[in-house]
Protein backbone atom coordinates (compact mmCIF):
# COMPACT_ATOMS: atom_id res chain seq x y z
CA MET A 1 11.70 20.69 -5.90
CA GLU A 2 12.59 22.03 -2.46
CA TYR A 3 13.30 18.84 -0.50
CA THR A 4 15.64 16.48 -2.35
CA ASP A 5 18.31 15.52 0.21
CA LEU A 6 18.38 12.83 2.89
CA TYR A 7 16.50 13.63 6.09
CA ILE A 8 18.46 12.47 9.13
CA ASN A 9 18.10 13.67 12.72
CA GLY A 10 15.93 16.59 11.62
CA GLU A 11 18.54 17.81 9.13
CA TRP A 12 18.84 17.79 5.34
CA ARG A 13 22.04 16.05 4.25
CA LYS A 14 23.69 15.49 0.88
CA GLY A 15 24.70 11.94 1.78
CA ALA A 16 28.02 10.40 2.66
CA ALA A 17 29.01 9.70 -0.95
CA GLY A 18 27.38 12.73 -2.55
CA VAL A 19 25.64 10.45 -5.09
CA ARG A 20 22.30 11.51 -6.57
CA PHE A 21 19.68 10.01 -8.88
CA ASP A 22 16.96 11.46 -11.11
CA VAL A 23 13.22 11.26 -10.51
CA LEU A 24 11.15 11.41 -13.69
CA ASN A 25 7.70 12.78 -14.44
CA PRO A 26 6.01 9.73 -16.02
CA ALA A 27 3.69 11.93 -18.09
CA THR A 28 6.49 13.80 -19.85
CA GLU A 29 9.57 11.63 -19.16
CA GLU A 30 11.31 14.83 -18.02
CA VAL A 31 13.51 15.00 -14.92
CA LEU A 32 11.59 16.38 -11.93
CA ALA A 33 14.45 16.45 -9.46
CA SER A 34 17.85 15.06 -8.57
CA VAL A 35 17.64 13.28 -5.20
CA ALA A 36 20.40 12.28 -2.77
CA SER A 37 21.12 8.55 -2.66
CA ALA A 38 21.84 7.13 0.80
CA GLU A 39 24.81 4.86 1.50
CA ILE A 40 25.63 2.59 4.45
CA ALA A 41 27.21 5.45 6.44
CA ASP A 42 23.96 7.41 6.09
CA ALA A 43 21.98 4.43 7.37
CA ASP A 44 24.24 4.23 10.42
CA ALA A 45 23.72 7.94 11.08
CA ALA A 46 19.97 7.47 10.85
CA LEU A 47 20.08 4.50 13.21
CA ASP A 48 22.06 6.52 15.75
CA ALA A 49 19.59 9.39 15.50
CA ALA A 50 16.58 7.11 15.81
CA GLU A 51 18.01 5.34 18.85
CA ALA A 52 18.64 8.64 20.63
CA ALA A 53 15.22 10.05 19.78
CA MET A 54 13.20 7.00 20.72
CA ALA A 55 14.20 6.94 24.37
CA ASN A 56 12.48 10.26 25.03
CA TRP A 57 9.55 9.62 22.69
CA ALA A 58 8.69 6.24 24.20
CA ALA A 59 8.72 7.83 27.65
CA ARG A 60 6.13 10.42 26.67
CA THR A 61 2.55 9.86 27.71
CA PRO A 62 0.20 8.37 25.13
CA ARG A 63 -1.73 11.65 25.11
CA GLU A 64 1.37 13.64 24.21
CA ARG A 65 2.09 11.34 21.29
CA SER A 66 -1.56 11.51 20.30
CA GLU A 67 -1.57 15.30 20.14
CA VAL A 68 1.45 15.37 17.82
CA LEU A 69 -0.26 12.94 15.44
CA ARG A 70 -3.49 14.93 15.59
CA LYS A 71 -1.56 18.07 14.66
CA ALA A 72 0.04 16.22 11.73
CA TRP A 73 -3.44 15.34 10.46
CA GLU A 74 -4.59 18.95 10.72
CA LEU A 75 -1.53 20.27 8.89
CA MET A 76 -1.69 17.69 6.12
CA THR A 77 -5.42 18.19 5.65
CA ALA A 78 -4.80 21.89 5.14
CA ARG A 79 -2.22 21.10 2.43
CA LEU A 80 -3.91 18.30 0.51
CA GLU A 81 -3.72 20.16 -2.80
CA ASP A 82 0.05 20.54 -2.50
CA PHE A 83 0.59 16.89 -1.70
CA ALA A 84 -1.80 15.76 -4.43
CA ARG A 85 0.09 17.78 -7.03
CA LEU A 86 3.40 16.29 -5.95
CA ILE A 87 1.94 12.78 -6.06
CA THR A 88 0.73 13.40 -9.61
CA LEU A 89 4.06 14.80 -10.73
CA GLU A 90 6.19 11.89 -9.53
CA ASN A 91 3.69 9.01 -9.72
CA GLY A 92 1.49 10.04 -12.64
CA LYS A 93 -1.96 9.43 -11.18
CA ALA A 94 -4.75 11.79 -12.13
CA ARG A 95 -5.57 14.73 -9.88
CA ALA A 96 -8.76 13.22 -8.42
CA ASP A 97 -6.94 9.98 -7.63
CA ALA A 98 -4.04 11.91 -6.10
CA MET A 99 -6.42 13.94 -3.92
CA GLY A 100 -7.98 10.68 -2.79
CA GLU A 101 -4.59 9.34 -1.79
CA ALA A 102 -3.58 12.52 0.02
CA THR A 103 -6.81 12.50 2.02
CA TYR A 104 -6.41 8.80 2.80
CA ALA A 105 -2.79 9.35 3.83
CA ALA A 106 -3.67 12.18 6.20
CA GLU A 107 -6.41 10.12 7.83
CA PHE A 108 -3.86 7.66 9.23
CA PHE A 109 -2.51 10.43 11.44
CA ARG A 110 -5.98 11.12 12.84
CA TRP A 111 -6.84 7.45 13.31
CA PHE A 112 -3.62 6.59 15.14
CA ALA A 113 -3.83 9.77 17.17
CA GLU A 114 -6.96 8.17 18.58
CA GLU A 115 -5.38 4.72 18.88
CA ALA A 116 -2.26 6.01 20.67
CA VAL A 117 -4.24 6.27 23.91
CA ARG A 118 -5.76 2.77 23.54
CA ALA A 119 -2.86 0.35 23.97
CA ASP A 120 -4.98 -1.43 26.55
CA GLY A 121 -3.56 -4.09 28.84
CA LEU A 122 -5.29 -6.28 31.40
CA ILE A 123 -5.07 -7.71 34.89
CA THR A 124 -6.57 -11.11 35.61
CA HIS A 125 -6.44 -13.69 38.40
CA ALA A 126 -4.70 -16.93 37.37
CA PRO A 127 -7.19 -19.76 38.06
CA SER A 128 -4.68 -22.36 39.24
CA SER A 129 -1.80 -20.45 40.87
CA GLY A 130 -3.72 -17.51 42.28
CA ALA A 131 -1.14 -15.08 40.91
CA ARG A 132 -2.12 -11.91 39.16
CA ILE A 133 -1.54 -11.88 35.40
CA MET A 134 -0.59 -8.37 34.29
CA VAL A 135 -0.31 -7.76 30.54
CA GLN A 136 0.90 -4.55 28.89
CA HIS A 137 2.07 -3.48 25.44
CA LYS A 138 5.43 -1.73 25.03
CA PRO A 139 7.18 -0.10 22.05
CA ALA A 140 8.94 -2.83 20.10
CA GLY A 141 11.98 -0.75 19.11
CA LEU A 142 13.45 0.90 16.03
CA ALA A 143 11.47 0.21 12.87
CA VAL A 144 12.67 0.13 9.27
CA LEU A 145 9.90 1.04 6.83
CA VAL A 146 10.19 0.21 3.13
CA THR A 147 7.49 1.74 0.96
CA PRO A 148 6.44 1.31 -2.71
CA TRP A 149 5.96 3.80 -5.54
CA ASN A 150 2.25 3.28 -6.13
CA TYR A 151 1.09 5.23 -3.05
CA PRO A 152 4.00 7.57 -2.22
CA ALA A 153 2.11 9.31 0.61
CA ALA A 154 -0.31 6.75 2.02
CA MET A 155 2.06 3.80 2.27
CA GLY A 156 4.36 6.00 4.34
CA THR A 157 1.78 7.46 6.70
CA ARG A 158 0.15 4.04 7.13
CA LYS A 159 3.41 2.93 8.74
CA ILE A 160 4.73 6.13 10.34
CA ALA A 161 1.53 6.93 12.25
CA PRO A 162 1.13 3.60 14.10
CA ALA A 163 4.86 3.42 14.82
CA LEU A 164 4.84 6.86 16.43
CA ALA A 165 1.61 6.07 18.26
CA ALA A 166 3.28 2.97 19.70
CA GLY A 167 6.34 4.94 20.81
CA CYS A 168 8.82 3.79 18.13
CA ALA A 169 11.34 5.69 16.02
CA VAL A 170 11.49 4.94 12.29
CA ILE A 171 13.75 5.00 9.25
CA ILE A 172 11.92 5.13 5.92
CA LYS A 173 13.28 3.91 2.62
CA PRO A 174 10.86 5.28 -0.03
CA ALA A 175 10.75 3.89 -3.56
CA SER A 176 13.32 5.41 -5.90
CA GLU A 177 10.62 6.29 -8.43
CA THR A 178 8.66 8.41 -5.93
CA PRO A 179 10.73 9.73 -2.99
CA LEU A 180 9.65 13.39 -3.21
CA THR A 181 6.28 13.09 -1.45
CA MET A 182 7.76 11.44 1.62
CA LEU A 183 10.57 14.00 1.80
CA ALA A 184 8.03 16.84 1.53
CA LEU A 185 6.16 15.37 4.52
CA MET A 186 9.09 15.89 6.88
CA PRO A 187 8.78 19.68 7.39
CA LEU A 188 5.12 19.10 8.19
CA LEU A 189 6.02 16.54 10.85
CA GLU A 190 8.54 18.96 12.32
CA GLU A 191 5.82 21.59 12.55
CA ALA A 192 3.52 19.07 14.21
CA GLY A 193 6.08 18.51 16.96
CA VAL A 194 7.87 15.32 15.89
CA PRO A 195 11.33 15.60 17.50
CA PRO A 196 14.56 15.35 15.45
CA GLY A 197 15.70 11.81 14.78
CA LEU A 198 12.35 10.16 15.37
CA VAL A 199 11.54 9.97 11.65
CA ASN A 200 14.37 9.67 9.11
CA VAL A 201 14.06 9.33 5.32
CA LEU A 202 16.71 7.61 3.20
CA PRO A 203 16.05 7.61 -0.55
CA SER A 204 18.59 5.38 -2.28
CA LYS A 205 19.37 3.54 -5.48
CA ARG A 206 21.10 0.88 -3.36
CA THR A 207 17.92 -0.36 -1.72
CA GLY A 208 18.92 -3.98 -1.21
CA ALA A 209 22.29 -3.34 0.42
CA LEU A 210 20.99 -0.43 2.49
CA VAL A 211 17.96 -2.22 3.91
CA ASP A 212 19.86 -5.46 4.49
CA HIS A 213 22.47 -3.54 6.49
CA MET A 214 19.80 -1.94 8.70
CA LEU A 215 17.99 -5.25 9.25
CA HIS A 216 21.22 -6.70 10.62
CA ASP A 217 21.71 -3.89 13.15
CA PRO A 218 20.72 -5.21 16.62
CA ARG A 219 18.92 -1.96 17.44
CA VAL A 220 16.29 -2.61 14.77
CA ARG A 221 13.37 -4.70 16.00
CA VAL A 222 10.64 -4.22 13.36
CA VAL A 223 10.61 -4.26 9.57
CA SER A 224 7.47 -3.10 7.77
CA PHE A 225 7.38 -3.57 4.01
CA THR A 226 4.83 -3.01 1.28
CA GLY A 227 5.71 -4.37 -2.14
CA SER A 228 6.07 -7.50 -4.21
CA THR A 229 6.05 -10.98 -2.73
CA GLY A 230 9.45 -11.68 -4.29
CA VAL A 231 11.12 -8.79 -2.48
CA GLY A 232 9.16 -9.60 0.66
CA ARG A 233 10.65 -13.10 0.73
CA LYS A 234 14.17 -11.65 0.55
CA LEU A 235 13.44 -9.24 3.41
CA LEU A 236 12.03 -12.08 5.51
CA HIS A 237 15.30 -13.98 5.01
CA SER A 238 17.24 -10.93 6.21
CA ALA A 239 14.83 -10.37 9.11
CA ALA A 240 15.30 -13.97 10.25
CA ASP A 241 18.94 -13.40 11.17
CA GLN A 242 17.95 -10.92 13.91
CA VAL A 243 14.50 -12.48 14.50
CA LEU A 244 12.83 -9.18 13.68
CA LYS A 245 9.13 -8.59 13.94
CA PRO A 246 7.89 -8.48 10.32
CA ALA A 247 4.87 -6.66 8.94
CA MET A 248 4.60 -7.61 5.27
CA GLU A 249 1.96 -6.36 2.87
CA LEU A 250 2.82 -8.20 -0.32
CA GLY A 251 1.40 -8.96 -3.75
CA GLY A 252 -2.14 -9.80 -4.76
CA ASN A 253 -4.17 -11.46 -7.49
CA ALA A 254 -7.64 -10.28 -6.57
CA PRO A 255 -10.69 -12.06 -7.96
CA LEU A 256 -13.88 -10.06 -8.54
CA ILE A 257 -16.97 -12.28 -8.77
CA VAL A 258 -20.23 -11.05 -10.28
CA PHE A 259 -23.15 -13.42 -9.69
CA GLU A 260 -26.22 -13.58 -11.91
CA ASP A 261 -28.38 -11.79 -9.32
CA ALA A 262 -25.97 -8.87 -8.86
CA ASP A 263 -27.15 -5.31 -9.33
CA LEU A 264 -25.15 -4.56 -12.48
CA ASP A 265 -25.05 -0.83 -11.80
CA VAL A 266 -23.42 -1.56 -8.44
CA ALA A 267 -21.19 -4.28 -9.92
CA VAL A 268 -19.88 -2.10 -12.76
CA GLU A 269 -19.29 0.83 -10.42
CA GLY A 270 -17.49 -1.48 -7.99
CA ALA A 271 -15.42 -3.07 -10.75
CA MET A 272 -14.38 0.36 -12.02
CA LEU A 273 -13.23 1.34 -8.55
CA ALA A 274 -11.52 -1.98 -7.82
CA LYS A 275 -9.82 -2.01 -11.23
CA MET A 276 -9.06 1.63 -12.00
CA ARG A 277 -8.17 3.09 -8.60
CA ASN A 278 -4.58 4.24 -9.05
CA LEU A 279 -4.72 3.06 -12.71
CA GLY A 280 -4.78 -0.54 -11.51
CA GLU A 281 -1.31 -0.06 -10.00
CA ALA A 282 -2.39 -1.48 -6.67
CA CYS A 283 -2.10 -4.82 -4.93
CA THR A 284 -5.84 -4.56 -4.24
CA ALA A 285 -6.73 -4.10 -7.92
CA ALA A 286 -9.25 -6.54 -9.38
CA ASN A 287 -7.01 -8.83 -11.43
CA ARG A 288 -9.36 -11.65 -12.43
CA ILE A 289 -12.98 -10.70 -13.14
CA TYR A 290 -15.36 -13.69 -13.05
CA VAL A 291 -18.85 -12.93 -14.39
CA HIS A 292 -21.76 -15.36 -14.46
CA MET A 293 -22.58 -16.38 -18.01
CA ASP A 294 -26.17 -15.10 -17.72
CA VAL A 295 -25.01 -11.48 -17.26
CA ALA A 296 -21.54 -11.58 -18.83
CA GLU A 297 -22.48 -9.91 -22.12
CA GLU A 298 -24.34 -7.04 -20.44
CA PHE A 299 -21.69 -6.55 -17.76
CA THR A 300 -18.89 -6.53 -20.34
CA ARG A 301 -20.68 -3.97 -22.49
CA ARG A 302 -21.33 -1.66 -19.56
CA LEU A 303 -17.76 -1.98 -18.25
CA ALA A 304 -16.32 -1.28 -21.70
CA ASP A 305 -18.54 1.81 -22.02
CA ALA A 306 -17.40 3.07 -18.62
CA MET A 307 -13.73 2.41 -19.36
CA GLY A 308 -14.00 4.01 -22.78
CA ALA A 309 -15.45 7.19 -21.31
CA LEU A 310 -12.30 7.86 -19.27
CA LYS A 311 -10.03 10.65 -20.47
CA VAL A 312 -6.33 9.79 -20.72
CA GLY A 313 -3.64 12.43 -20.30
CA ASP A 314 -1.28 14.27 -17.98
CA GLY A 315 -2.77 14.04 -14.50
CA VAL A 316 -2.10 17.70 -13.70
CA ASP A 317 -5.08 18.50 -15.96
CA PRO A 318 -8.12 18.24 -13.65
CA SER A 319 -10.28 16.94 -16.52
CA VAL A 320 -8.05 13.86 -16.94
CA ASP A 321 -9.24 10.56 -15.44
CA VAL A 322 -6.30 8.32 -16.31
CA GLY A 323 -2.67 9.39 -16.14
CA PRO A 324 0.45 7.48 -17.18
CA LEU A 325 1.84 4.36 -15.58
CA VAL A 326 4.84 4.95 -13.37
CA ASN A 327 7.60 3.91 -15.77
CA ALA A 328 8.33 2.27 -19.11
CA ASP A 329 8.85 -1.19 -17.63
CA THR A 330 5.41 -1.16 -16.01
CA ARG A 331 3.75 0.02 -19.24
CA ASP A 332 5.58 -2.57 -21.33
CA LYS A 333 4.63 -5.36 -18.92
CA VAL A 334 0.95 -4.38 -19.17
CA ALA A 335 1.17 -4.34 -22.97
CA ALA A 336 2.79 -7.78 -22.91
CA PHE A 337 -0.05 -9.16 -20.75
CA VAL A 338 -2.61 -7.91 -23.28
CA ALA A 339 -0.68 -9.29 -26.25
CA ASP A 340 -0.34 -12.67 -24.55
CA ALA A 341 -4.05 -12.88 -23.68
CA VAL A 342 -5.09 -11.92 -27.21
CA ALA A 343 -2.71 -14.46 -28.74
CA LYS A 344 -4.36 -17.12 -26.56
CA GLY A 345 -7.90 -16.23 -27.65
CA ALA A 346 -9.06 -13.19 -25.64
CA ASN A 347 -11.12 -10.49 -27.31
CA VAL A 348 -10.29 -6.79 -27.02
CA GLU A 349 -13.52 -4.93 -26.23
CA ILE A 350 -11.82 -1.56 -25.90
CA GLY A 351 -8.27 -0.21 -25.69
CA GLY A 352 -5.36 -2.58 -26.08
CA GLN A 353 -2.92 -0.41 -28.01
CA THR A 354 0.07 1.49 -26.62
CA PRO A 355 -0.16 5.12 -27.81
CA ASN A 356 2.69 6.91 -29.53
CA GLY A 357 4.50 9.87 -28.01
CA LYS A 358 6.04 10.84 -24.70
CA GLY A 359 4.84 9.48 -21.39
CA PHE A 360 4.23 5.98 -20.08
CA PHE A 361 0.57 5.85 -21.07
CA TYR A 362 -1.62 2.80 -21.63
CA PRO A 363 -5.34 3.12 -22.38
CA PRO A 364 -8.13 1.63 -20.24
CA THR A 365 -8.61 -1.84 -21.72
CA VAL A 366 -11.30 -4.51 -21.41
CA LEU A 367 -10.57 -8.08 -22.45
CA SER A 368 -13.30 -10.73 -22.67
CA ASN A 369 -13.05 -14.49 -23.12
CA VAL A 370 -9.70 -14.49 -21.30
CA PRO A 371 -8.40 -18.08 -21.05
CA GLU A 372 -7.02 -19.65 -17.88
CA THR A 373 -3.67 -20.02 -19.64
CA ALA A 374 -3.23 -16.24 -20.06
CA ASP A 375 -0.30 -14.85 -18.08
CA CYS A 376 -2.44 -12.04 -16.63
CA VAL A 377 -4.59 -14.59 -14.80
CA HIS A 378 -1.61 -15.77 -12.78
CA ASP A 379 0.32 -12.53 -12.21
CA GLU A 380 -0.51 -8.99 -11.15
CA ILE A 381 -1.39 -6.86 -14.18
CA PHE A 382 -0.67 -3.61 -12.32
CA GLY A 383 -2.31 -1.53 -15.01
CA PRO A 384 -5.69 -0.43 -16.44
CA VAL A 385 -6.65 -3.79 -17.96
CA ALA A 386 -9.85 -5.61 -16.98
CA ALA A 387 -9.56 -9.34 -17.79
CA ILE A 388 -13.02 -10.95 -17.87
CA GLN A 389 -13.78 -14.67 -17.60
CA THR A 390 -17.14 -16.38 -17.22
CA PHE A 391 -18.57 -19.06 -14.92
CA THR A 392 -21.82 -20.91 -14.38
CA ASP A 393 -21.20 -22.89 -11.18
CA GLN A 394 -20.67 -21.39 -7.72
CA GLU A 395 -18.35 -24.15 -6.53
CA ASP A 396 -16.24 -23.77 -9.66
CA VAL A 397 -15.80 -20.03 -9.30
CA ILE A 398 -14.83 -20.35 -5.63
CA ARG A 399 -12.22 -22.93 -6.58
CA ARG A 400 -10.86 -20.73 -9.37
CA ALA A 401 -10.81 -17.66 -7.13
CA ASN A 402 -8.79 -19.50 -4.48
CA ASP A 403 -6.44 -21.12 -7.01
CA THR A 404 -3.51 -18.76 -6.40
CA GLU A 405 -0.63 -18.38 -3.99
CA TYR A 406 -1.94 -14.92 -3.12
CA GLY A 407 -4.67 -14.05 -0.64
CA LEU A 408 -4.91 -10.30 -0.16
CA VAL A 409 -8.38 -9.20 -1.25
CA ALA A 410 -11.41 -10.48 -3.17
CA TYR A 411 -14.64 -8.84 -4.32
CA VAL A 412 -18.13 -10.36 -4.44
CA PHE A 413 -21.26 -8.87 -6.03
CA SER A 414 -24.64 -10.46 -5.32
CA GLU A 415 -28.05 -9.34 -4.03
CA ASP A 416 -28.50 -12.64 -2.18
CA MET A 417 -26.85 -11.81 1.15
CA LYS A 418 -27.03 -15.35 2.49
CA ARG A 419 -25.24 -16.76 -0.54
CA ALA A 420 -22.83 -13.81 -0.74
CA LEU A 421 -21.70 -14.15 2.88
CA GLN A 422 -21.29 -17.91 2.50
CA VAL A 423 -19.03 -17.29 -0.50
CA CYS A 424 -17.07 -14.58 1.34
CA GLU A 425 -16.30 -16.95 4.20
CA ARG A 426 -14.99 -19.59 1.80
CA LEU A 427 -12.66 -17.22 -0.03
CA GLU A 428 -9.05 -17.57 1.15
CA TYR A 429 -8.37 -13.84 1.43
CA GLY A 430 -7.56 -11.48 4.28
CA MET A 431 -10.14 -8.97 3.03
CA VAL A 432 -13.34 -9.16 0.98
CA GLY A 433 -15.33 -6.33 -0.56
CA LEU A 434 -19.00 -7.31 -0.57
CA ASN A 435 -20.86 -5.22 -3.14
CA ARG A 436 -18.02 -2.71 -2.76
CA GLY A 437 -14.98 -2.05 -4.90
CA LEU A 438 -12.99 -0.43 -2.09
CA VAL A 439 -11.84 -2.09 1.13
CA SER A 440 -9.00 0.20 2.26
CA ASP A 441 -9.86 2.15 5.41
CA PRO A 442 -7.57 3.44 8.19
CA ALA A 443 -9.99 2.02 10.75
CA ALA A 444 -9.84 -1.51 9.31
CA PRO A 445 -7.11 -4.19 9.56
CA PHE A 446 -5.56 -4.24 6.07
CA GLY A 447 -3.59 -7.35 5.12
CA GLY A 448 -3.58 -10.73 3.46
CA VAL A 449 -3.04 -14.45 3.95
CA LYS A 450 -0.90 -17.03 2.17
CA GLN A 451 1.87 -15.28 0.22
CA SER A 452 0.18 -11.89 0.35
CA GLY A 453 1.78 -11.08 3.65
CA LEU A 454 2.02 -11.16 7.42
CA GLY A 455 0.41 -8.85 9.95
CA ARG A 456 -2.06 -6.01 9.49
CA GLU A 457 -1.95 -2.27 8.88
CA GLY A 458 -4.67 0.09 10.03
CA GLY A 459 -7.29 -0.64 12.65
CA HIS A 460 -6.22 -1.36 16.23
CA GLU A 461 -4.01 -4.15 14.93
CA GLY A 462 -1.83 -1.72 13.01
CA MET A 463 -0.37 -0.18 16.15
CA LEU A 464 0.22 -3.57 17.77
CA GLU A 465 2.58 -4.46 14.90
CA PHE A 466 4.99 -1.94 16.49
CA MET A 467 4.52 -3.17 20.05
CA GLU A 468 5.57 -6.17 22.12
CA THR A 469 3.37 -7.81 24.73
CA GLN A 470 4.87 -8.05 28.20
CA TYR A 471 3.38 -10.27 30.89
CA ILE A 472 4.17 -9.77 34.59
CA SER A 473 3.25 -12.39 37.15
CA ALA A 474 2.68 -10.94 40.61
CA SER A 475 1.06 -11.79 43.92
CA TRP A 476 -0.42 -9.42 46.44
């Protein structure tokens, strides 16, 4: 691997302590690369570089910033195959899935290139005082970005692009399991015209101490995090000390509801996408599948057939549909969820057995008759396991769907649009897929309610997370 050091102020550095850690290929369990591990001194160097770079970047015209982002999209689009291969090697996802992520990741540069010129303000006439109310949006300040391992490219670009569009400098802490993709993006950003110091990347095995240190630096004004709710809570505690602006995309426990009048072809296709995108290692993955009793048997059979047809193997093989999970802990947790559900009465329709041999593989699995007491109903499975329950009453299924601390995304399948939209509005989720198994889109505001997060990524709202609103009162 070519890029394995820290990236600070446009330079590759070994790190203040010279410490490194290994990144594994989850399909073979072999070491892919040894990566530099950042320490506090490296974070301070990155903060200094970001502060110096932001002054000039924020002063550039929106069009200038837009053109750099547009160039980044063009360059990344031309190199999708390279990025997809790297994603597969360090994350494990199959080639088609990796190509989908690379394309999605690149699109954030194009979308926010267009949004960079649309930080619209307003001028109005105050009704009572007669003063003019002038409102504008300004760059919020240095941003610390903490990204997860499940989307090593897209979760970075989804934060970098709006921050740069807004005029902010950033420091990225990628997940230790998958830092290589984000490091490989840096030469591309240089080529696109991103100045030194504006984007810095700090892989580290000391994530907690490193991020906490940066969040207590008065120059930092924004923290954007994607990951578990538990870690998100800790970051919010740290952010409170400096009253930072938080953008938190946290955990999920997505319900997928199939009504008796659903088109089962559409519902099965949507369930496959909602469940198996990224092997189920996604906060948007369908975690609880509620199927009306009248169609449960047919839906379960079709879903099991579709899951059983998937080929499992090393994702570098283009014929493979399902690669390994990211590490042994994730695989073992998935296996434990299945064992728990079966012990409590669930039926295994297909899959359900951890294979022997190298790699962190787990087969596509369908469970039926999953009881409410099963652990997988109350926690993210984060793997290729579809847990099916049944219902007969609309009010009951809405109650069960909402009965969670999470509120990221839900899915509804029904041909009755009046009923479907009524149900969507009553679901306590930031996003709903209606007869669709995919909601993620750079042009849409991605985010949840309750303990699934704060703020939105993507859409026009995504750039405003990195801006502050300033109001000027004037008379003339």
